[in-house]
Protein backbone atom coordinates (compact mmCIF):
# COMPACT_ATOMS: atom_id res chain seq x y z
CA MET A 1 17.06 -11.06 -17.48
CA ASP A 2 15.01 -8.76 -15.27
CA THR A 3 15.74 -8.56 -11.56
CA VAL A 4 13.25 -9.42 -8.83
CA ILE A 5 12.95 -5.72 -7.99
CA THR A 6 12.25 -4.78 -11.61
CA LYS A 7 9.55 -7.46 -11.88
CA PHE A 8 8.11 -6.47 -8.50
CA LYS A 9 7.92 -2.78 -9.37
CA ILE A 10 5.90 -3.36 -12.56
CA LYS A 11 3.12 -4.99 -10.54
CA GLU A 12 -0.04 -3.20 -9.47
CA PRO A 13 -0.99 -4.37 -5.99
CA ARG A 14 -4.56 -4.95 -4.92
CA PHE A 15 -6.56 -4.27 -1.78
CA ALA A 16 -9.70 -5.81 -0.31
CA GLU A 17 -12.81 -4.40 -1.95
CA ARG A 18 -14.38 -3.78 1.46
CA TYR A 19 -11.92 -0.86 1.90
CA GLU A 20 -12.78 0.84 -1.39
CA HIS A 21 -14.88 3.47 0.41
CA LEU A 22 -11.72 4.67 2.22
CA PHE A 23 -10.09 5.45 -1.13
CA ALA A 24 -13.24 7.18 -2.35
CA ARG A 25 -13.41 9.30 0.79
CA TYR A 26 -9.75 10.17 1.44
CA SER A 27 -7.97 10.20 -1.91
CA ARG A 28 -8.37 11.40 -5.46
CA LYS A 29 -7.89 8.58 -7.93
CA TRP A 30 -5.70 10.55 -10.32
CA GLY A 31 -4.82 13.64 -8.33
CA GLY A 32 -6.36 17.06 -7.97
CA SER A 33 -5.56 20.53 -6.77
CA GLU A 34 -4.76 21.17 -3.13
CA GLN A 35 -7.93 23.25 -2.67
CA ASP A 36 -10.08 20.60 -4.37
CA ARG A 37 -8.76 17.96 -1.98
CA LEU A 38 -9.36 20.19 1.05
CA ASP A 39 -12.89 21.00 -0.06
CA LYS A 40 -13.71 17.31 -0.32
CA VAL A 41 -11.72 16.01 2.71
CA LYS A 42 -9.26 14.33 0.35
CA VAL A 43 -6.06 13.92 2.33
CA PHE A 44 -4.17 12.03 -0.38
CA ALA A 45 -3.65 13.35 -3.90
CA LYS A 46 -3.59 9.89 -5.47
CA ASN A 47 -4.80 6.44 -4.50
CA TYR A 48 -1.27 5.07 -4.32
CA GLU A 49 -0.42 7.63 -1.62
CA LEU A 50 -3.16 6.22 0.62
CA TYR A 51 -1.98 2.73 -0.34
CA MET A 52 1.60 3.49 0.76
CA TYR A 53 0.35 5.14 3.94
CA ALA A 54 -1.74 2.06 4.77
CA PHE A 55 1.26 -0.21 4.07
CA PHE A 56 3.46 1.65 6.54
CA LEU A 57 0.62 1.85 9.09
CA GLY A 58 0.13 -1.91 8.83
CA LEU A 59 3.89 -2.44 9.07
CA LYS A 60 4.19 -0.20 12.14
CA HIS A 61 1.43 -2.13 13.91
CA ASP A 62 2.66 -5.48 12.52
CA ARG A 63 -0.80 -6.10 11.10
CA SER A 64 -0.65 -8.29 8.03
CA ILE A 65 -3.93 -9.45 6.46
CA PRO A 66 -3.33 -11.42 3.25
CA LEU A 67 -5.94 -11.24 0.54
CA GLY A 68 -7.92 -14.46 0.44
CA SER A 69 -7.99 -16.27 -2.90
CA SER A 70 -11.78 -15.91 -3.06
CA GLU A 71 -11.87 -12.38 -1.63
CA LYS A 72 -12.99 -9.61 -3.95
CA SER A 73 -10.22 -7.11 -4.49
CA LYS A 74 -9.49 -3.91 -6.37
CA SER A 75 -6.43 -2.57 -8.10
CA ASN A 76 -6.60 1.11 -8.86
CA VAL A 77 -3.32 2.30 -7.39
CA MET A 78 -1.02 2.18 -10.45
CA ARG A 79 2.14 0.15 -10.83
CA ILE A 80 4.63 0.40 -7.99
CA GLU A 81 7.29 1.89 -10.28
CA ASP A 82 5.02 4.91 -10.85
CA TRP A 83 4.56 5.74 -7.17
CA ARG A 84 6.07 8.98 -5.89
CA PRO A 85 8.03 10.21 -4.10
CA GLU A 86 10.67 7.78 -5.27
CA ALA A 87 12.49 7.76 -1.91
CA LEU A 88 9.34 6.64 -0.08
CA ARG A 89 8.65 4.00 -2.73
CA ASN A 90 12.21 2.71 -2.37
CA HIS A 91 11.74 2.54 1.39
CA LEU A 92 8.58 0.48 0.86
CA VAL A 93 10.53 -1.88 -1.43
CA ALA A 94 13.32 -2.22 1.15
CA CYS A 95 10.86 -2.93 3.97
CA THR A 96 9.14 -5.54 1.81
CA LEU A 97 12.46 -7.27 1.07
CA VAL A 98 13.29 -7.36 4.78
CA LYS A 99 9.86 -8.78 5.67
CA ASP A 100 10.29 -11.44 2.99
CA GLY A 101 13.48 -12.62 4.65
CA THR A 102 15.20 -14.02 1.57
CA PRO A 103 18.96 -13.50 1.84
CA PHE A 104 19.87 -10.87 -0.74
CA ARG A 105 22.61 -13.02 -2.26
CA GLU A 106 20.01 -15.59 -3.33
CA TYR A 107 18.42 -13.10 -5.72
CA ASP A 108 21.56 -13.26 -7.89
CA PHE A 109 21.06 -16.97 -8.56
CA MET A 110 17.33 -17.09 -9.29
CA THR A 111 15.97 -18.43 -12.55
CA GLU A 112 13.39 -16.48 -14.54
CA ASP A 113 10.59 -18.61 -13.06
CA GLU A 114 11.90 -18.06 -9.52
CA ILE A 115 12.13 -14.32 -10.16
CA ASN A 116 8.51 -14.22 -11.34
CA LYS A 117 7.35 -16.25 -8.33
CA LYS A 118 9.35 -14.14 -5.85
CA SER A 119 8.11 -10.84 -7.32
CA THR A 120 4.53 -12.07 -6.86
CA GLU A 121 5.32 -13.06 -3.26
CA LEU A 122 6.72 -9.57 -2.62
CA LYS A 123 3.55 -8.01 -4.04
CA GLU A 124 1.50 -10.21 -1.72
CA ILE A 125 3.52 -8.98 1.28
CA VAL A 126 2.75 -5.38 0.30
CA GLU A 127 -0.92 -6.26 -0.13
CA ALA A 128 -1.08 -7.97 3.27
CA TYR A 129 0.44 -5.07 5.21
CA THR A 130 -1.64 -2.56 3.26
CA ASN A 131 -4.81 -4.47 4.09
CA GLY A 132 -3.66 -4.50 7.71
CA GLY A 133 -3.26 -0.72 7.62
CA LEU A 134 -6.59 -0.29 5.87
CA SER A 135 -8.23 -2.40 8.59
CA ILE A 136 -6.86 0.03 11.19
CA LEU A 137 -8.31 2.95 9.21
CA GLN A 138 -11.60 1.06 8.92
CA GLU A 139 -11.73 0.59 12.70
CA GLU A 140 -11.12 4.31 13.22
CA PHE A 141 -13.81 5.12 10.66
CA GLU A 142 -16.35 2.78 12.26
CA GLU A 143 -15.65 4.21 15.71
CA ASP A 144 -16.22 7.80 14.54
CA LYS A 145 -17.05 8.53 10.91
CA LYS A 146 -15.65 12.06 11.21
CA ALA A 147 -12.47 11.23 13.16
CA LEU A 148 -10.29 10.87 10.07
CA ASP A 149 -11.61 14.16 8.70
CA GLU A 150 -9.61 16.05 11.33
CA PRO A 151 -6.54 17.86 9.91
CA PHE A 152 -3.91 15.76 11.69
CA ALA A 153 -5.81 12.47 12.09
CA PHE A 154 -3.61 10.49 9.70
CA THR A 155 -0.44 11.92 11.25
CA GLU A 156 -1.60 11.07 14.76
CA LEU A 157 -2.32 7.46 13.76
CA VAL A 158 1.30 7.01 12.73
CA PHE A 159 2.58 8.27 16.09
CA GLU A 160 0.22 6.28 18.33
C-alpha cells in the first residue's frame, strides 16, 4: 500500500487561472538557458519553481486562498515528485504536513481510501498557500507592472 506522502507527491497541483499571466511573465514552462531567461525577464527556470516560491510566500504571510469548486484553474507545474531541488520540495512537503495538523502516527493506520482522501487534502493545502502567494505577487504587479522585473524583487518580497 502506498503512503500518504507517495500519493501526495504524484499529484499535480493547480492554481487559479487568473494568475496564469504571472507564470507566462516570470517563468519558462519547461526551462531555458540562463541568458534566455534574463533576456525575457524570466526569473524562474520552470513553472514549478514559481509555484514553490508562491507557496512559501503565501505560507510566510499566512495567506491561504483555497481554489473554489467553480473557479477556473490551471495545472502546468508537473507532479510534485518531479520538483527540484529535492531538499526544497521535501521542505514544502513537511510544511504542508504541519499545516494539515494530522498527528503523524495516524498516517500508519489509514486505509487506502483514507490515504487517497488525505493526499488530496494535502494537495489542496499546497494550492491554497500557493494561491495566497500568487495573490501577493498579483498585488505587487498591479501596483507597479515593472516592480517584479527588478533583479532582487522576488528576494525582497521574502524578507519583507
